[in-house]
Structures are given as C-alpha cells and as structure tokens.
Amino acid sequence: MSRHAIAEAERRGIDPGLVRTVLQTPGQIVPAYGGKVAYQSRVAEADREYLIRVVVSESSPTPVVVTVYKTSRVAKYWRKQ
C-alpha cells in the first residue's frame, strides 16, 4: 500500500485487515479512473450497507494500492452481473 493509501485508510477509519480482505476476496473488480481498477466489497455496518473500494494501480510489475474509501452510494459503483 502506498503511504497515501495507508494515511487515507487511517483517516477514514477503515481497518487495514478489511482492506486485505477486500483485496484477497473482492465482491467485484471493476475499472476505475485513470486506467486503475477498484476492488470492492459490500459491508454492513450499523444497520446500513456500505461499499469498501480499494483502488489499485496495476500498471507496474507490482500492483500498488493507491487509495481506499467507504461509500454509502452502493448503487453508483456496484455493477450488476
């Protein structure tokens, strides 16, 4: 994970273990901005559903987590299959 991604996860209160879980077993992998990909999974928290999105740059030999965030706008990002 990049320093920025670590700082953003901490600032947003997202557990690093949850980030690892999303990366290892994502609900979906979808295209993101700038040629990156987003590993994302739905999570329930306080009787509400959220989406954890882990944005990864796969352009280098070693993929790098660019940022991570939680959103309640599940319908905007979740792709129906």
Protein backbone atom coordinates (compact mmCIF):
# COMPACT_ATOMS: atom_id res chain seq x y z
CA MET A 1 0.00 0.00 0.00
CA SER A 2 1.20 3.48 -0.78
CA ARG A 3 1.76 5.93 2.07
CA HIS A 4 -1.22 7.88 0.84
CA ALA A 5 -3.46 4.80 0.95
CA ILE A 6 -2.33 3.97 4.49
CA ALA A 7 -3.00 7.54 5.63
CA GLU A 8 -6.40 7.64 3.93
CA ALA A 9 -7.49 4.30 5.43
CA GLU A 10 -6.49 5.54 8.88
CA ARG A 11 -8.16 8.92 8.40
CA ARG A 12 -11.35 7.27 7.18
CA GLY A 13 -11.38 4.69 9.97
CA ILE A 14 -11.00 1.69 7.66
CA ASP A 15 -9.29 -1.28 9.28
CA PRO A 16 -6.19 -2.49 7.36
CA GLY A 17 -7.46 -6.06 7.84
CA LEU A 18 -10.64 -5.15 5.96
CA VAL A 19 -8.52 -3.73 3.12
CA ARG A 20 -6.60 -7.02 2.92
CA THR A 21 -9.86 -8.99 2.91
CA VAL A 22 -11.25 -6.91 0.03
CA LEU A 23 -8.04 -7.40 -1.94
CA GLN A 24 -7.97 -11.16 -1.33
CA THR A 25 -11.68 -11.85 -1.88
CA PRO A 26 -13.34 -8.89 -3.59
CA GLY A 27 -17.05 -8.87 -4.34
CA GLN A 28 -16.15 -7.29 -7.68
CA ILE A 29 -13.21 -5.90 -9.60
CA VAL A 30 -14.24 -3.00 -11.83
CA PRO A 31 -12.46 -0.39 -13.97
CA ALA A 32 -11.67 2.86 -12.17
CA TYR A 33 -10.37 6.25 -13.21
CA GLY A 34 -7.03 6.67 -14.95
CA GLY A 35 -6.63 3.06 -16.01
CA LYS A 36 -6.75 1.79 -12.44
CA VAL A 37 -9.02 -0.93 -11.06
CA ALA A 38 -11.22 -0.93 -7.97
CA TYR A 39 -11.53 -4.00 -5.80
CA GLN A 40 -14.80 -3.58 -3.96
CA SER A 41 -16.99 -5.40 -1.48
CA ARG A 42 -20.25 -4.68 0.29
CA VAL A 43 -20.14 -4.47 4.08
CA ALA A 44 -22.86 -3.97 6.67
CA GLU A 45 -22.22 -1.51 9.46
CA ALA A 46 -24.70 -0.07 11.96
CA ASP A 47 -27.70 -1.46 10.03
CA ARG A 48 -26.51 0.20 6.84
CA GLU A 49 -24.79 -1.14 3.74
CA TYR A 50 -21.54 0.39 2.54
CA LEU A 51 -19.10 -0.30 -0.24
CA ILE A 52 -15.40 -0.53 0.52
CA ARG A 53 -13.42 0.42 -2.57
CA VAL A 54 -9.69 -0.28 -2.82
CA VAL A 55 -8.23 1.45 -5.87
CA VAL A 56 -5.19 -0.32 -7.31
CA SER A 57 -2.70 0.69 -9.99
CA GLU A 58 -1.74 -2.46 -11.86
CA SER A 59 0.45 -0.71 -14.44
CA SER A 60 3.73 -1.54 -12.71
CA PRO A 61 5.15 -5.04 -12.17
CA THR A 62 3.98 -4.89 -8.55
CA PRO A 63 0.39 -3.64 -8.10
CA VAL A 64 0.08 -0.70 -5.69
CA VAL A 65 -2.95 0.31 -3.61
CA VAL A 66 -3.46 3.98 -4.46
CA THR A 67 -6.34 4.79 -2.10
CA VAL A 68 -9.18 3.24 -0.15
CA TYR A 69 -12.56 4.61 0.86
CA LYS A 70 -16.00 3.69 2.12
CA THR A 71 -19.17 4.94 0.42
CA SER A 72 -22.87 4.57 1.06
CA ARG A 73 -23.55 5.07 -2.67
CA VAL A 74 -23.53 1.35 -3.40
CA ALA A 75 -25.84 1.63 -6.43
CA LYS A 76 -23.48 4.11 -8.12
CA TYR A 77 -20.47 1.78 -8.11
CA TRP A 78 -21.81 -1.79 -7.85
CA ARG A 79 -22.07 -3.44 -11.28
CA LYS A 80 -25.00 -5.75 -11.85
CA GLN A 81 -23.87 -9.04 -13.30
